[in-house]
Amino acid sequence: MTLIELIEASTARLTEAGVSFGHGTTNARDEAAWLILWSLGLPLDTELEGPQSQEMRPVSAAEHQQCATLIEARIVSRKPAAYLTREAWLQGVSFFVDERAIVPRSLIAELLVEGSLDYWLREDTHALLDLCTGNGSLAVIAALVYPDTSVDAADISADALAVAAINVERHHLSDRVHLIESDGLAAVQKTYDLILCNPPYVNAESMSSLPLEYQAEPAIALDGNRGGGADGMDFVRRLLTDIPRVMNPGAVLVLEIGHERTFFEAAFPTLAAVWLETSAGEDQVLLLTREALSA
C-alpha cells in the first residue's frame, strides 16, 4: 500500500464513522492526512501532490497497522485528533495540548499574525493580557508577534495553566509570558494596552447538542451559562463590567464570541463594537475600545 492509498482509505473510514471536525481540520481528508503523517513521523506539510510528492511512498505492514490503530482510536474515543497526538498547530506554531485544556483554534491568532490589530495599537503598547488563555497559545503567539511586549496569561483552571506552562517553556518565553490563576479578572492587578479574550460563550441550547469531540474538552472553557443564564453571555457580561479598570488609556479589548453575535448584540445593544474580518467572516471577533466600554 502507498501513502496516498492509506490516506484515502482512512478518509473513507472516518467519513463512514461520522466523526466531527473543527479542531484543526474541517474534513475527513485533512484529518486522515494529519493523523497518518503524524503516526509515520512525517512532517505535516509533506507534499501529497506535485513533483516532490510522497504520495507513492510505500507503507509497510507494521506502519499500516500503526496508522490503523490511531484512526480507530479517533473513531472509538471521539476525541479531537490533537488529544491523540498531544500536538496542535495554530498559525503555523506548534503547541502541546491534552485534555486539561481546550484545543487551540482561536481566530484571534490570525488577526495577530496578519497584523490586523496593528492599526489599533500605539508605539507605547507594551503590556498585553490574554484572558482565558487555555493552553497559552494566544499568549505565545502575541509574544512572538510583538517582541517588545510583556504578556500576562490568565485562566481560572490550574490544569489549563499547567499545559500553558509547557508551551511557554517550549517557545522559550518564560521571561516574557507570565501565568496567572484567576477567575476572570479577580486576580489581575496590572493594567494593559491590549487585552485578548476567547471566553466561554456557547449558549445553553448549543451546549446540549455539542458533538462528542467538543464534549471531550473542558466544559468550563465552552459553557457561557455558568452564571445561570442561557444565552452564553454570563462570563462576557461580568467581563465587560469589570474590564475598564485594567485598561490603560487608549487600550482595546479583542473578544471572540464565535457564532453568538445575535446573543451578544441582544445582551449589549448600545455597545459600540468594531467587528473584525477573519477567515470565518466578520461576525465572530469584535474589538472594543476602553472609551466604548466606559461609556
Protein backbone atom coordinates (compact mmCIF):
# COMPACT_ATOMS: atom_id res chain seq x y z
CA MET A 1 0.00 0.00 0.00
CA THR A 2 1.18 3.53 -0.77
CA LEU A 3 0.87 6.59 1.44
CA ILE A 4 -1.88 8.15 -0.67
CA GLU A 5 -3.84 4.87 -0.71
CA LEU A 6 -3.65 4.71 3.07
CA ILE A 7 -4.84 8.30 3.38
CA GLU A 8 -7.74 7.66 1.01
CA ALA A 9 -8.77 4.50 2.86
CA SER A 10 -8.58 6.31 6.20
CA THR A 11 -10.61 9.20 4.80
CA ALA A 12 -13.34 6.77 3.86
CA ARG A 13 -13.18 5.17 7.31
CA LEU A 14 -13.57 8.50 9.12
CA THR A 15 -16.39 9.54 6.80
CA GLU A 16 -18.23 6.26 7.33
CA ALA A 17 -17.86 6.60 11.10
CA GLY A 18 -19.38 10.10 11.05
CA VAL A 19 -16.80 11.79 13.25
CA SER A 20 -16.98 15.57 13.70
CA PHE A 21 -14.26 18.07 12.86
CA GLY A 22 -13.36 21.62 13.81
CA HIS A 23 -10.28 21.13 15.99
CA GLY A 24 -7.65 21.91 13.39
CA THR A 25 -9.28 20.37 10.33
CA THR A 26 -12.66 20.75 8.68
CA ASN A 27 -12.96 17.50 6.73
CA ALA A 28 -12.13 13.79 6.78
CA ARG A 29 -9.35 14.02 4.17
CA ASP A 30 -7.32 16.57 6.11
CA GLU A 31 -7.93 14.73 9.38
CA ALA A 32 -6.77 11.43 7.89
CA ALA A 33 -3.66 13.04 6.40
CA TRP A 34 -2.81 14.71 9.73
CA LEU A 35 -3.13 11.51 11.75
CA ILE A 36 -1.25 9.35 9.27
CA LEU A 37 1.62 11.76 8.69
CA TRP A 38 1.99 12.20 12.44
CA SER A 39 1.88 8.45 13.03
CA LEU A 40 4.59 7.87 10.43
CA GLY A 41 6.77 10.66 11.78
CA LEU A 42 6.47 12.66 8.57
CA PRO A 43 6.17 16.46 8.50
CA LEU A 44 2.58 17.65 8.39
CA ASP A 45 3.44 19.74 5.31
CA THR A 46 4.61 16.66 3.40
CA GLU A 47 3.65 17.15 -0.25
CA LEU A 48 0.98 14.74 -1.43
CA GLU A 49 0.74 16.18 -4.95
CA GLY A 50 3.25 17.52 -7.45
CA PRO A 51 6.83 16.66 -8.46
CA GLN A 52 8.07 16.33 -4.85
CA SER A 53 5.06 14.35 -3.76
CA GLN A 54 5.40 11.48 -1.31
CA GLU A 55 2.07 10.00 -2.35
CA MET A 56 3.68 6.85 -3.76
CA ARG A 57 5.81 6.24 -0.67
CA PRO A 58 5.34 2.60 0.30
CA VAL A 59 3.77 1.85 3.67
CA SER A 60 4.94 -1.30 5.44
CA ALA A 61 2.56 -3.71 7.11
CA ALA A 62 3.74 -2.53 10.54
CA GLU A 63 3.23 1.12 9.60
CA HIS A 64 -0.20 0.32 8.22
CA GLN A 65 -1.22 -1.31 11.48
CA GLN A 66 0.17 1.61 13.48
CA CYS A 67 -1.85 4.11 11.45
CA ALA A 68 -4.98 1.98 11.51
CA THR A 69 -4.77 1.79 15.30
CA LEU A 70 -4.63 5.60 15.55
CA ILE A 71 -7.52 6.08 13.13
CA GLU A 72 -9.58 3.58 15.11
CA ALA A 73 -8.75 5.39 18.36
CA ARG A 74 -10.01 8.62 16.78
CA ILE A 75 -13.28 6.94 15.86
CA VAL A 76 -13.88 4.99 19.06
CA SER A 77 -12.86 7.69 21.54
CA ARG A 78 -14.37 10.59 19.56
CA LYS A 79 -11.55 12.72 20.99
CA PRO A 80 -10.15 15.53 18.83
CA ALA A 81 -7.06 14.41 16.94
CA ALA A 82 -4.94 16.87 18.91
CA TYR A 83 -5.65 14.97 22.13
CA LEU A 84 -4.39 11.78 20.49
CA THR A 85 -1.23 13.32 19.07
CA ARG A 86 -0.66 15.71 22.01
CA GLU A 87 0.02 18.45 19.47
CA ALA A 88 -1.99 21.24 17.87
CA TRP A 89 -0.98 23.86 15.32
CA LEU A 90 -2.22 27.43 15.24
CA GLN A 91 -1.00 29.84 12.55
CA GLY A 92 1.98 27.60 11.86
CA VAL A 93 3.03 27.44 15.52
CA SER A 94 3.14 24.08 17.30
CA PHE A 95 1.60 23.66 20.76
CA PHE A 96 1.37 20.86 23.28
CA VAL A 97 -2.20 20.09 24.29
CA ASP A 98 -4.04 17.44 26.26
CA GLU A 99 -7.46 17.01 27.84
CA ARG A 100 -6.71 19.59 30.56
CA ALA A 101 -7.15 22.45 28.08
CA ILE A 102 -9.31 23.29 25.07
CA VAL A 103 -7.79 22.55 21.66
CA PRO A 104 -6.45 25.91 20.37
CA ARG A 105 -8.31 27.27 17.35
CA SER A 106 -8.99 30.93 18.11
CA LEU A 107 -9.49 33.27 15.17
CA ILE A 108 -7.70 35.94 17.18
CA ALA A 109 -4.45 34.17 16.29
CA GLU A 110 -4.80 35.04 12.60
CA LEU A 111 -5.52 38.69 13.46
CA LEU A 112 -2.27 38.78 15.43
CA VAL A 113 -0.16 37.11 12.75
CA GLU A 114 -1.65 39.09 9.86
CA GLY A 115 -1.18 42.42 11.62
CA SER A 116 -4.89 43.21 11.59
CA LEU A 117 -4.74 44.69 15.09
CA ASP A 118 -1.78 46.99 14.47
CA TYR A 119 -4.00 49.92 13.50
CA TRP A 120 -5.47 49.92 16.99
CA LEU A 121 -2.14 49.78 18.81
CA ARG A 122 0.27 52.55 19.75
CA GLU A 123 4.05 52.76 19.75
CA ASP A 124 3.94 52.55 23.54
CA THR A 125 1.85 49.34 23.54
CA HIS A 126 3.89 47.10 25.82
CA ALA A 127 1.54 45.36 28.25
CA LEU A 128 -0.74 42.56 26.98
CA LEU A 129 -3.23 40.29 28.71
CA ASP A 130 -4.55 37.02 27.32
CA LEU A 131 -7.62 36.22 29.41
CA CYS A 132 -8.99 32.65 29.34
CA THR A 133 -5.62 31.59 27.95
CA GLY A 134 -6.26 27.82 27.96
CA ASN A 135 -3.09 26.15 26.72
CA GLY A 136 -1.41 29.54 26.31
CA SER A 137 -1.43 29.61 22.51
CA LEU A 138 -2.65 33.19 22.05
CA ALA A 139 -0.24 34.46 24.70
CA VAL A 140 2.66 32.73 22.98
CA ILE A 141 1.69 33.97 19.51
CA ALA A 142 1.20 37.52 20.82
CA ALA A 143 4.65 37.43 22.41
CA LEU A 144 6.18 36.18 19.15
CA VAL A 145 4.39 38.80 17.04
CA TYR A 146 5.15 41.68 19.43
CA PRO A 147 8.68 41.03 20.77
CA ASP A 148 8.79 44.28 22.75
CA THR A 149 5.83 43.36 24.93
CA SER A 150 5.24 41.61 28.23
CA VAL A 151 2.29 39.22 28.24
CA ASP A 152 0.19 38.03 31.17
CA ALA A 153 -1.88 34.90 30.54
CA ALA A 154 -4.77 34.25 32.93
CA ASP A 155 -7.16 31.34 33.36
CA ILE A 156 -9.44 30.00 36.08
CA SER A 157 -8.18 26.45 35.51
CA ALA A 158 -4.96 25.36 37.21
CA ASP A 159 -4.93 22.35 34.88
CA ALA A 160 -5.06 24.54 31.78
CA LEU A 161 -2.30 26.75 33.18
CA ALA A 162 -0.12 23.67 33.68
CA VAL A 163 -0.47 23.00 29.96
CA ALA A 164 0.19 26.67 29.18
CA ALA A 165 3.38 26.48 31.22
CA ILE A 166 4.63 23.69 28.97
CA ASN A 167 4.04 25.84 25.89
CA VAL A 168 5.62 28.96 27.37
CA GLU A 169 8.73 26.94 28.16
CA ARG A 170 8.60 25.17 24.80
CA HIS A 171 8.84 28.51 22.99
CA HIS A 172 11.45 29.93 25.40
CA LEU A 173 9.19 32.75 26.58
CA SER A 174 9.32 32.31 30.35
CA ASP A 175 10.86 35.75 30.75
CA ARG A 176 8.04 37.47 28.86
CA VAL A 177 4.87 35.41 29.35
CA HIS A 178 3.60 35.19 32.92
CA LEU A 179 0.78 32.90 34.02
CA ILE A 180 -1.95 33.95 36.45
CA GLU A 181 -4.62 31.73 38.02
CA SER A 182 -7.68 33.95 38.06
CA ASP A 183 -11.46 33.69 37.92
CA GLY A 184 -11.99 36.27 35.22
CA LEU A 185 -10.18 39.42 36.30
CA ALA A 186 -10.35 38.68 40.04
CA ALA A 187 -6.59 38.12 40.45
CA VAL A 188 -5.49 40.51 37.70
CA GLN A 189 -3.88 43.58 39.27
CA LYS A 190 -1.99 45.30 36.44
CA THR A 191 -3.28 47.46 33.58
CA TYR A 192 -2.84 46.71 29.90
CA ASP A 193 -2.69 48.24 26.44
CA LEU A 194 -4.13 45.21 24.60
CA ILE A 195 -6.38 42.51 26.03
CA LEU A 196 -7.24 39.32 24.15
CA CYS A 197 -10.07 37.08 25.26
CA ASN A 198 -11.56 33.91 23.82
CA PRO A 199 -14.03 33.24 26.67
CA PRO A 200 -16.66 30.57 27.29
CA TYR A 201 -19.58 31.77 25.18
CA VAL A 202 -21.58 28.76 23.92
CA ASN A 203 -25.30 29.18 24.61
CA ALA A 204 -27.26 26.58 26.58
CA GLU A 205 -29.10 25.07 23.61
CA SER A 206 -25.87 24.61 21.66
CA MET A 207 -24.11 23.15 24.71
CA SER A 208 -26.78 20.47 24.95
CA SER A 209 -26.14 19.31 21.39
CA LEU A 210 -22.36 19.54 21.07
CA PRO A 211 -20.69 16.70 19.13
CA LEU A 212 -18.72 14.24 21.25
CA GLU A 213 -15.44 15.78 20.11
CA TYR A 214 -16.39 19.07 21.78
CA GLN A 215 -17.73 17.28 24.83
CA ALA A 216 -14.23 15.83 25.27
CA GLU A 217 -12.95 19.34 26.02
CA PRO A 218 -13.22 21.03 29.43
CA ALA A 219 -16.79 22.34 29.65
CA ILE A 220 -15.63 25.35 31.65
CA ALA A 221 -13.84 26.61 28.52
CA LEU A 222 -17.00 26.41 26.41
CA ASP A 223 -20.11 26.86 28.57
CA GLY A 224 -21.11 30.52 28.72
CA ASN A 225 -24.07 29.87 31.02
CA ARG A 226 -22.35 29.02 34.29
CA GLY A 227 -23.92 32.02 35.98
CA GLY A 228 -27.40 30.64 35.40
CA GLY A 229 -28.16 32.23 32.04
CA ALA A 230 -28.94 30.59 28.72
CA ASP A 231 -27.54 32.93 26.05
CA GLY A 232 -23.85 32.14 26.59
CA MET A 233 -23.07 35.67 27.73
CA ASP A 234 -22.70 35.16 31.51
CA PHE A 235 -18.90 35.45 31.56
CA VAL A 236 -18.92 38.22 28.96
CA ARG A 237 -21.37 40.33 30.99
CA ARG A 238 -19.12 40.19 34.04
CA LEU A 239 -16.04 40.81 31.94
CA LEU A 240 -17.34 43.93 30.22
CA THR A 241 -18.41 45.40 33.56
CA ASP A 242 -15.03 44.78 35.21
CA ILE A 243 -12.55 45.29 32.41
CA PRO A 244 -12.19 49.09 32.18
CA ARG A 245 -10.26 49.05 35.48
CA VAL A 246 -7.43 47.03 33.90
CA MET A 247 -7.26 49.01 30.64
CA ASN A 248 -4.80 51.83 30.10
CA PRO A 249 -5.98 54.96 28.22
CA GLY A 250 -6.28 54.02 24.55
CA ALA A 251 -6.36 50.29 25.31
CA VAL A 252 -8.52 47.86 23.33
CA LEU A 253 -10.17 44.52 24.04
CA VAL A 254 -10.31 41.89 21.28
CA LEU A 255 -13.11 39.46 22.08
CA GLU A 256 -14.09 36.26 20.29
CA ILE A 257 -17.73 35.16 20.54
CA GLY A 258 -17.92 32.55 17.77
CA HIS A 259 -21.40 32.10 16.32
CA GLU A 260 -23.05 34.03 19.15
CA ARG A 261 -23.24 37.51 17.58
CA THR A 262 -27.03 37.55 17.81
CA PHE A 263 -26.91 36.85 21.54
CA PHE A 264 -24.06 39.33 22.05
CA GLU A 265 -25.91 42.17 20.34
CA ALA A 266 -29.10 41.35 22.24
CA ALA A 267 -27.18 41.49 25.51
CA PHE A 268 -25.29 44.71 24.66
CA PRO A 269 -27.49 46.61 22.19
CA THR A 270 -25.88 50.03 22.72
CA LEU A 271 -22.23 48.95 22.85
CA ALA A 272 -20.10 50.40 20.04
CA ALA A 273 -18.31 47.27 18.82
CA VAL A 274 -15.98 47.06 15.82
CA TRP A 275 -16.41 43.70 14.09
CA LEU A 276 -13.15 42.36 12.67
CA GLU A 277 -12.82 40.39 9.45
CA THR A 278 -11.38 36.88 9.79
CA SER A 279 -11.29 33.79 7.62
CA ALA A 280 -14.66 32.88 9.19
CA GLY A 281 -16.29 36.19 8.28
CA GLU A 282 -16.96 39.45 10.11
CA ASP A 283 -19.22 38.27 12.92
CA GLN A 284 -17.08 36.16 15.25
CA VAL A 285 -14.44 38.53 16.66
CA LEU A 286 -15.01 42.09 17.82
CA LEU A 287 -12.94 44.94 19.19
CA LEU A 288 -13.96 47.28 21.99
CA THR A 289 -12.11 50.42 22.99
CA ARG A 290 -11.74 51.50 26.60
CA GLU A 291 -13.82 54.56 25.77
CA ALA A 292 -16.68 52.47 24.38
CA LEU A 293 -16.63 50.20 27.43
CA SER A 294 -16.52 53.11 29.87
CA ALA A 295 -19.46 54.73 28.14
